[in-house]
Amino acid sequence: MVRKLLTRSIRPPDETPNDNDPLDVPPATVGGNVYTPGDPHGVEVQGEAGFTMPPVITPSAWSGWPADWATPNWGSRVSALADTAWTCVDLNASVLAEMSPYLVNAAPGLDAGWLTNPDPDIYTSWQEFAKQLWWDYQLGEVFVLVTARYHSGWPARFHVVPPMFVNVEMDRGRRRYTIGREDVTDDILHVRYKSSVDDAHGHGPLEAGGARVVAAEVLTRYANSIATNGLIPSSILEAPEQMSPDQAATLRDDWVQQRAALPGYPAVLSGGLQWKPTQINPKDMALLDLSQSADARIAVMLGVPPFLVGLPSGGDSLTYANVNAIFDYHWRGGLRPKAHACMAALSGWALPRGTMVEVNQDSYVQPEPLVRAQTYQILASIQDPVSGQPVITVQQIREAERLTNATPLSGVVS
């Protein structure tokens, strides 16, 4: 059963969808008469089918696809992210993956070895699984496939499946899942960022902000083009006499070629030529303010304070106190809702009713040592009026501060 589930994959069709020889078919309107035929199947399979994970399927642009045209976001939504969006998604996923999981209200002897590693054949640790989980979740939806179960029937091993491999359809009000030709509805967990009863898929914040992601990418390309062209700003060459179109084109091309070939060298003009820039300074040339505004909006959509990804805060200078507050806000407003949504879904799928798996946020928002010591001191001074026991003991403090070999947060909390 495990081998069967691991080898599910989408594969190319058994027969060629279009068996016409590309050489015998007139080229498309933008292809030209001389071209290299594309793959008639439309995909390239990288890796062996039947291996532990599905092979990588990379669709290719058809023959004659213009070089200046962007290709659709085939295969992976990650490749289409602007650098700021990628940084924010990765920051959130990395921080959440670092938070150790633990059980709440678990029965004694409950099998939950997956807290350490959900699938040792694929992952090196819980952190690797969790990072994949939260990466896909922020992009709209995440699919988790069970590959083995305990004798009680609860999942024992599972891993994240790339969304491109899973087909989801609504069937009389319920979602039905298939991978290839096999129905996996009973073995898959589907966690959606934003869901609706009439939509089979989930949708992430970057879908609503797609225009800003595209704008950020365009502005990045613009800045790169300025750098690759020898930092030549938009400008005008004025001649003292009337010039023919051919003379003007020759002068313009010579100017651009010389500036690109010798960046940083002073220009020499003669014959009454004058150079006048139409942009004032490098900051205006790179549209820095517009670029930072687009990047900041992307960060906010992903729940990341712009300051955390190197963007201007837009306010007063930051102090020690409000820097700590930014991290706390990032947890409360951005990370905690995501953590609770995913952990609640995972708990309802992999654990008996009433048992929850949560993550320890102390690794990210833990107070300073002095504050923690004062808190422990106050708690230790509070005693139960009946038993006389303090709220917290010295041993519990040592365990909480990792001063012993005990690891309470990786076990069961009752």
Protein backbone atom coordinates (compact mmCIF):
# COMPACT_ATOMS: atom_id res chain seq x y z
CA MET A 1 0.00 0.00 0.00
CA VAL A 2 2.82 2.42 0.89
CA ARG A 3 4.63 1.76 -2.39
CA LYS A 4 1.42 2.24 -4.33
CA LEU A 5 0.71 5.62 -2.79
CA LEU A 6 4.27 6.82 -3.22
CA THR A 7 4.33 6.05 -6.94
CA ARG A 8 1.22 7.99 -7.88
CA SER A 9 1.99 10.58 -10.48
CA ILE A 10 0.76 12.39 -13.53
CA ARG A 11 2.29 10.91 -16.66
CA PRO A 12 2.23 11.82 -20.35
CA PRO A 13 -0.64 10.31 -22.36
CA ASP A 14 -0.18 6.90 -23.98
CA GLU A 15 -0.70 8.35 -27.45
CA THR A 16 0.47 11.53 -29.10
CA PRO A 17 -2.29 14.17 -28.77
CA ASN A 18 -1.39 15.68 -32.13
CA ASP A 19 0.50 13.35 -34.45
CA ASN A 20 0.95 15.91 -37.22
CA ASP A 21 4.56 16.42 -38.21
CA PRO A 22 5.41 20.02 -37.20
CA LEU A 23 7.48 20.40 -40.38
CA ASP A 24 4.39 19.75 -42.51
CA VAL A 25 2.21 22.31 -40.74
CA PRO A 26 2.42 26.02 -41.59
CA PRO A 27 4.11 27.99 -38.82
CA ALA A 28 2.12 30.18 -36.45
CA THR A 29 1.71 33.86 -37.12
CA VAL A 30 4.72 34.79 -34.99
CA GLY A 31 6.95 31.83 -35.69
CA GLY A 32 8.54 32.63 -39.03
CA ASN A 33 9.26 30.18 -41.83
CA VAL A 34 12.50 28.88 -40.31
CA TYR A 35 12.04 27.35 -36.88
CA THR A 36 12.79 24.30 -34.75
CA PRO A 37 9.82 22.02 -34.12
CA GLY A 38 8.73 21.72 -30.52
CA ASP A 39 7.86 18.60 -28.56
CA PRO A 40 4.50 17.31 -29.91
CA HIS A 41 3.65 15.95 -26.43
CA GLY A 42 4.11 19.42 -24.93
CA VAL A 43 5.99 18.19 -21.86
CA GLU A 44 9.38 16.92 -20.84
CA VAL A 45 9.53 14.24 -18.12
CA GLN A 46 12.63 14.58 -15.94
CA GLY A 47 13.46 11.53 -13.83
CA GLU A 48 12.13 7.99 -13.80
CA ALA A 49 8.45 7.33 -13.42
CA GLY A 50 7.80 4.97 -10.54
CA PHE A 51 10.38 6.47 -8.21
CA THR A 52 9.36 7.42 -4.68
CA MET A 53 8.02 10.81 -5.76
CA PRO A 54 6.26 11.78 -9.01
CA PRO A 55 8.60 12.83 -11.84
CA VAL A 56 9.12 16.49 -12.64
CA ILE A 57 6.98 17.47 -15.63
CA THR A 58 8.14 20.60 -17.41
CA PRO A 59 5.89 21.87 -20.26
CA SER A 60 7.80 23.66 -22.98
CA ALA A 61 6.86 26.67 -25.09
CA TRP A 62 5.73 25.74 -28.58
CA SER A 63 8.10 26.19 -31.49
CA GLY A 64 8.29 29.83 -32.53
CA TRP A 65 7.45 31.21 -29.07
CA PRO A 66 8.81 34.79 -29.04
CA ALA A 67 11.78 35.24 -26.75
CA ASP A 68 10.30 38.42 -25.25
CA TRP A 69 7.09 36.68 -24.21
CA ALA A 70 6.87 35.27 -20.69
CA THR A 71 5.70 31.66 -20.45
CA PRO A 72 2.76 30.66 -18.22
CA ASN A 73 3.48 29.61 -14.65
CA TRP A 74 3.85 25.93 -15.48
CA GLY A 75 4.65 23.43 -12.81
CA SER A 76 5.44 25.64 -9.84
CA ARG A 77 3.93 28.85 -8.51
CA VAL A 78 7.20 29.61 -6.75
CA SER A 79 9.03 30.53 -9.95
CA ALA A 80 6.62 33.42 -10.59
CA LEU A 81 7.18 35.14 -7.26
CA ALA A 82 8.96 38.47 -7.14
CA ASP A 83 11.99 38.53 -4.85
CA THR A 84 10.11 40.36 -2.08
CA ALA A 85 7.19 37.93 -2.21
CA TRP A 86 9.61 34.98 -2.13
CA THR A 87 11.47 36.50 0.84
CA CYS A 88 8.26 37.08 2.82
CA VAL A 89 6.84 33.61 2.16
CA ASP A 90 10.17 32.03 3.04
CA LEU A 91 10.50 34.11 6.23
CA ASN A 92 7.05 33.05 7.45
CA ALA A 93 7.62 29.41 6.55
CA SER A 94 11.09 29.30 8.13
CA VAL A 95 9.94 30.87 11.40
CA LEU A 96 6.90 28.59 11.69
CA ALA A 97 8.92 25.49 10.82
CA GLU A 98 11.36 26.31 13.63
CA MET A 99 8.55 26.14 16.22
CA SER A 100 8.55 22.66 17.79
CA PRO A 101 5.20 20.78 17.75
CA TYR A 102 3.59 19.26 20.85
CA LEU A 103 0.33 17.55 21.76
CA VAL A 104 -2.39 18.92 24.02
CA ASN A 105 -4.92 16.72 25.86
CA ALA A 106 -3.43 13.52 24.48
CA ALA A 107 -4.34 10.13 25.91
CA PRO A 108 -1.47 8.10 27.46
CA GLY A 109 0.16 5.86 24.90
CA LEU A 110 -1.20 7.76 21.88
CA ASP A 111 0.85 6.96 18.79
CA ALA A 112 2.21 10.23 17.38
CA GLY A 113 5.76 9.51 16.25
CA TRP A 114 5.24 11.81 13.29
CA LEU A 115 5.83 14.77 15.63
CA THR A 116 9.53 14.06 15.14
CA ASN A 117 9.43 13.24 11.43
CA PRO A 118 6.22 12.65 9.41
CA ASP A 119 8.05 10.57 6.78
CA PRO A 120 11.71 9.58 7.38
CA ASP A 121 11.97 8.22 3.83
CA ILE A 122 11.45 11.73 2.45
CA TYR A 123 12.19 14.28 5.19
CA THR A 124 15.16 14.74 7.49
CA SER A 125 13.03 16.25 10.27
CA TRP A 126 9.71 17.84 11.19
CA GLN A 127 11.15 21.22 10.18
CA GLU A 128 11.57 20.16 6.55
CA PHE A 129 7.97 18.92 6.39
CA ALA A 130 6.62 22.02 8.16
CA LYS A 131 8.43 24.42 5.84
CA GLN A 132 6.87 22.75 2.79
CA LEU A 133 3.50 22.80 4.53
CA TRP A 134 3.53 26.53 5.19
CA TRP A 135 5.08 27.44 1.85
CA ASP A 136 2.21 25.85 -0.08
CA TYR A 137 -0.40 27.10 2.40
CA GLN A 138 0.60 30.74 1.87
CA LEU A 139 0.34 30.25 -1.89
CA GLY A 140 -3.28 29.18 -1.52
CA GLU A 141 -3.56 25.52 -0.60
CA VAL A 142 -1.54 22.57 0.66
CA PHE A 143 -2.11 18.83 0.14
CA VAL A 144 -0.85 16.23 2.64
CA LEU A 145 -0.99 12.57 1.57
CA VAL A 146 -0.91 9.70 4.09
CA THR A 147 1.35 6.79 3.14
CA ALA A 148 1.05 4.57 6.24
CA ARG A 149 -1.31 4.19 9.20
CA TYR A 150 -1.11 2.92 12.76
CA HIS A 151 -3.10 -0.17 13.74
CA SER A 152 -5.69 2.25 15.14
CA GLY A 153 -6.21 3.72 11.67
CA TRP A 154 -4.72 7.15 12.40
CA PRO A 155 -2.03 8.45 9.98
CA ALA A 156 1.51 7.35 10.84
CA ARG A 157 3.42 8.67 7.82
CA PHE A 158 2.51 11.45 5.45
CA HIS A 159 4.13 14.08 3.23
CA VAL A 160 3.25 17.21 1.29
CA VAL A 161 2.24 16.65 -2.34
CA PRO A 162 2.87 19.45 -4.87
CA PRO A 163 -0.50 20.99 -5.83
CA MET A 164 0.21 20.47 -9.53
CA PHE A 165 -0.08 16.70 -9.04
CA VAL A 166 -3.51 16.78 -7.37
CA ASN A 167 -6.79 17.17 -9.24
CA VAL A 168 -9.70 18.52 -7.15
CA GLU A 169 -13.32 18.53 -8.24
CA MET A 170 -16.63 19.25 -6.53
CA ASP A 171 -18.89 16.19 -6.43
CA ARG A 172 -22.38 16.85 -5.04
CA GLY A 173 -21.07 19.39 -2.56
CA ARG A 174 -17.98 17.39 -1.55
CA ARG A 175 -14.44 17.65 -2.81
CA ARG A 176 -13.03 14.62 -4.58
CA TYR A 177 -9.29 14.22 -5.05
CA THR A 178 -7.37 12.21 -7.63
CA ILE A 179 -3.68 11.80 -8.37
CA GLY A 180 -3.29 10.50 -11.88
CA ARG A 181 -6.16 8.02 -12.26
CA GLU A 182 -6.40 7.03 -8.60
CA ASP A 183 -8.91 8.38 -6.11
CA VAL A 184 -7.12 9.55 -2.93
CA THR A 185 -10.02 11.34 -1.24
CA ASP A 186 -9.79 9.21 1.91
CA ASP A 187 -6.02 9.63 2.22
CA ILE A 188 -5.45 13.33 1.67
CA LEU A 189 -5.65 16.46 3.80
CA HIS A 190 -6.46 19.67 1.93
CA VAL A 191 -5.83 22.90 3.86
CA ARG A 192 -7.03 26.02 2.07
CA TYR A 193 -5.91 29.58 2.86
CA LYS A 194 -9.20 31.07 1.69
CA SER A 195 -12.00 28.65 0.85
CA SER A 196 -15.58 28.66 -0.36
CA VAL A 197 -18.28 25.98 -0.47
CA ASP A 198 -18.62 26.40 -4.23
CA ASP A 199 -14.88 26.35 -5.07
CA ALA A 200 -12.77 23.20 -4.98
CA HIS A 201 -9.50 25.07 -4.55
CA GLY A 202 -8.01 27.44 -2.00
CA HIS A 203 -6.73 30.90 -2.81
CA GLY A 204 -3.83 32.83 -1.28
CA PRO A 205 -3.20 36.54 -0.76
CA LEU A 206 -0.84 36.78 -3.73
CA GLU A 207 -3.72 35.99 -6.09
CA ALA A 208 -5.47 39.20 -5.02
CA GLY A 209 -2.18 41.05 -5.19
CA GLY A 210 -1.07 39.55 -8.47
CA ALA A 211 -0.91 42.95 -10.14
CA ARG A 212 1.51 44.20 -7.49
CA VAL A 213 3.71 41.12 -7.91
CA VAL A 214 3.80 41.73 -11.66
CA ALA A 215 4.56 45.42 -11.08
CA ALA A 216 7.43 44.55 -8.74
CA GLU A 217 8.84 42.16 -11.32
CA VAL A 218 8.56 44.75 -14.10
CA LEU A 219 10.29 47.39 -11.97
CA THR A 220 13.08 44.92 -11.19
CA ARG A 221 13.52 44.20 -14.89
CA TYR A 222 13.62 47.93 -15.56
CA ALA A 223 16.40 48.46 -13.03
CA ASN A 224 18.29 45.48 -14.44
CA SER A 225 17.98 46.83 -17.97
CA ILE A 226 19.49 50.14 -16.88
CA ALA A 227 22.43 48.31 -15.29
CA THR A 228 23.00 45.98 -18.26
CA ASN A 229 22.85 48.89 -20.70
CA GLY A 230 25.77 50.58 -19.02
CA LEU A 231 23.66 52.77 -16.71
CA ILE A 232 22.57 54.90 -19.66
CA PRO A 233 19.72 57.17 -18.51
CA SER A 234 16.98 58.36 -20.81
CA SER A 235 18.28 61.44 -22.56
CA ILE A 236 18.22 63.60 -25.68
CA LEU A 237 21.08 64.45 -28.09
CA GLU A 238 20.53 67.88 -29.59
CA ALA A 239 22.26 68.79 -32.85
CA PRO A 240 22.75 72.40 -33.97
CA GLU A 241 21.66 71.60 -37.53
CA GLN A 242 18.82 69.73 -39.16
CA MET A 243 19.56 65.99 -39.59
CA SER A 244 17.99 63.35 -41.78
CA PRO A 245 16.34 60.34 -40.11
CA ASP A 246 19.26 58.11 -41.14
CA GLN A 247 21.83 60.53 -39.70
CA ALA A 248 19.88 60.81 -36.45
CA ALA A 249 19.60 57.02 -36.15
CA THR A 250 23.33 56.59 -36.80
CA LEU A 251 24.24 59.22 -34.19
CA ARG A 252 21.89 57.67 -31.63
CA ASP A 253 23.20 54.12 -32.19
CA ASP A 254 26.83 55.25 -31.99
CA TRP A 255 26.11 57.05 -28.71
CA VAL A 256 24.42 54.04 -27.11
CA GLN A 257 27.12 51.62 -28.26
CA GLN A 258 29.92 53.80 -26.90
CA ARG A 259 28.22 54.38 -23.55
CA ALA A 260 27.47 50.63 -23.15
CA ALA A 261 31.02 49.63 -24.16
CA LEU A 262 32.75 52.17 -21.92
CA PRO A 263 30.59 52.70 -18.82
CA GLY A 264 32.02 55.30 -16.49
CA TYR A 265 34.16 56.94 -19.16
CA PRO A 266 33.46 60.61 -19.89
CA ALA A 267 31.64 61.35 -23.12
CA VAL A 268 33.22 63.58 -25.76
CA LEU A 269 30.87 65.66 -27.88
CA SER A 270 31.80 67.86 -30.82
CA GLY A 271 30.17 69.73 -33.62
CA GLY A 272 27.79 71.54 -31.31
CA LEU A 273 26.09 68.38 -29.98
CA GLN A 274 24.48 68.70 -26.56
CA TRP A 275 23.41 65.88 -24.21
CA LYS A 276 20.39 66.52 -21.99
CA PRO A 277 19.16 63.90 -19.52
CA THR A 278 15.41 63.46 -19.19
CA GLN A 279 15.80 61.83 -15.76
CA ILE A 280 17.47 63.55 -12.88
CA ASN A 281 19.26 61.02 -10.70
CA PRO A 282 19.74 57.26 -10.24
CA LYS A 283 17.01 57.15 -7.60
CA ASP A 284 14.47 58.59 -10.02
CA MET A 285 15.85 56.45 -12.84
CA ALA A 286 15.19 53.24 -10.90
CA LEU A 287 11.72 54.41 -9.76
CA LEU A 288 12.87 53.54 -6.25
CA ASP A 289 9.88 55.01 -4.40
CA LEU A 290 7.38 53.21 -6.62
CA SER A 291 9.31 49.94 -6.31
CA GLN A 292 9.49 50.18 -2.52
CA SER A 293 5.79 50.95 -2.33
CA ALA A 294 4.90 47.86 -4.39
CA ASP A 295 7.25 45.68 -2.32
CA ALA A 296 5.82 47.01 0.96
CA ARG A 297 2.27 46.18 -0.13
CA ILE A 298 3.35 42.64 -1.04
CA ALA A 299 4.91 42.22 2.42
CA VAL A 300 1.76 43.49 4.14
CA MET A 301 -0.42 41.10 2.13
CA LEU A 302 1.70 38.21 3.40
CA GLY A 303 1.49 39.41 7.00
CA VAL A 304 5.12 40.54 7.24
CA PRO A 305 6.00 44.00 8.63
CA PRO A 306 8.05 45.66 5.84
CA PHE A 307 10.87 46.41 8.30
CA LEU A 308 11.58 42.67 8.65
CA VAL A 309 12.45 42.32 4.95
CA GLY A 310 14.59 45.44 4.69
CA LEU A 311 11.94 47.86 3.48
CA PRO A 312 11.56 51.39 4.92
CA SER A 313 9.18 51.51 7.87
CA GLY A 314 7.78 54.88 6.84
CA GLY A 315 7.68 56.11 10.44
CA ASP A 316 10.02 57.36 13.11
CA SER A 317 13.36 55.73 13.83
CA LEU A 318 12.98 52.33 15.45
CA THR A 319 13.97 51.80 19.06
CA TYR A 320 14.69 48.63 21.00
CA ALA A 321 11.16 48.57 22.46
CA ASN A 322 9.21 48.94 19.26
CA VAL A 323 11.52 46.55 17.35
CA ASN A 324 10.46 43.87 19.86
CA ALA A 325 6.87 44.95 19.33
CA ILE A 326 7.25 44.40 15.58
CA PHE A 327 8.23 40.76 16.15
CA ASP A 328 5.28 40.34 18.51
CA TYR A 329 2.94 41.90 15.93
CA HIS A 330 4.36 39.62 13.23
CA TRP A 331 3.45 36.62 15.40
CA ARG A 332 0.01 37.85 16.49
CA GLY A 333 -1.17 39.31 13.19
CA GLY A 334 0.67 37.19 10.65
CA LEU A 335 2.02 33.89 11.91
CA ARG A 336 -0.41 32.80 14.64
CA PRO A 337 -3.53 32.71 12.40
CA LYS A 338 -1.62 30.62 9.85
CA ALA A 339 -0.23 28.29 12.52
CA HIS A 340 -3.62 27.77 14.14
CA ALA A 341 -5.35 27.11 10.81
CA CYS A 342 -2.84 24.46 9.70
CA MET A 343 -2.45 22.81 13.10
CA ALA A 344 -6.23 22.66 13.65
CA ALA A 345 -6.67 20.99 10.26
CA LEU A 346 -3.80 18.56 10.94
CA SER A 347 -5.21 17.75 14.40
CA GLY A 348 -8.68 16.94 13.09
CA TRP A 349 -7.21 14.73 10.38
CA ALA A 350 -4.42 12.88 12.20
CA LEU A 351 -5.55 12.79 15.84
CA PRO A 352 -8.58 11.65 17.89
CA ARG A 353 -11.25 14.21 18.73
CA GLY A 354 -10.18 16.51 21.56
CA THR A 355 -6.45 16.08 21.00
CA MET A 356 -4.62 18.98 19.39
CA VAL A 357 -1.16 19.55 17.99
CA GLU A 358 0.24 23.04 18.50
CA VAL A 359 3.57 24.77 17.90
CA ASN A 360 5.72 26.49 20.50
CA GLN A 361 5.96 30.18 19.66
CA ASP A 362 8.49 30.88 22.43
CA SER A 363 11.33 30.35 19.99
CA TYR A 364 10.21 33.53 18.19
CA VAL A 365 8.54 35.78 20.78
CA GLN A 366 10.17 34.60 23.98
CA PRO A 367 10.85 37.49 26.41
CA GLU A 368 14.35 38.47 27.44
CA PRO A 369 16.08 36.40 30.21
CA LEU A 370 15.48 39.08 32.87
CA VAL A 371 11.75 39.24 32.10
CA ARG A 372 11.47 35.45 32.12
CA ALA A 373 13.31 35.22 35.45
CA GLN A 374 10.98 37.76 37.02
CA THR A 375 7.96 35.89 35.68
CA TYR A 376 9.23 32.58 37.09
CA GLN A 377 9.87 34.25 40.44
CA ILE A 378 6.30 35.54 40.62
CA LEU A 379 4.81 32.20 39.59
CA ALA A 380 6.95 30.31 42.12
CA SER A 381 5.70 32.59 44.90
CA ILE A 382 2.04 31.82 44.14
CA GLN A 383 0.90 28.72 46.06
CA ASP A 384 -2.21 26.61 45.90
CA PRO A 385 -4.24 27.34 49.06
CA VAL A 386 -5.16 23.65 49.49
CA SER A 387 -2.01 21.72 48.61
CA GLY A 388 0.53 24.47 49.21
CA GLN A 389 2.22 23.65 45.89
CA PRO A 390 3.64 26.57 43.86
CA VAL A 391 2.38 27.30 40.38
CA ILE A 392 5.78 26.35 38.97
CA THR A 393 8.66 24.38 40.45
CA VAL A 394 12.40 24.79 40.07
CA GLN A 395 12.55 21.63 37.97
CA GLN A 396 9.89 22.95 35.62
CA ILE A 397 11.80 26.21 35.28
CA ARG A 398 14.97 24.30 34.43
CA GLU A 399 13.11 22.28 31.81
CA ALA A 400 11.48 25.39 30.31
CA GLU A 401 14.89 27.05 30.01
CA ARG A 402 16.49 23.91 28.52
CA LEU A 403 18.85 23.61 31.50
CA THR A 404 18.33 19.83 31.73
CA ASN A 405 18.20 16.95 29.28
CA ALA A 406 14.41 17.01 29.39
CA THR A 407 12.51 18.11 26.29
CA PRO A 408 8.95 18.72 27.50
CA LEU A 409 7.77 20.59 24.41
CA SER A 410 8.48 17.68 22.08
CA GLY A 411 6.39 15.29 24.14
CA VAL A 412 2.81 15.21 25.34
CA VAL A 413 1.22 18.04 27.30
CA SER A 414 -1.84 16.97 29.23
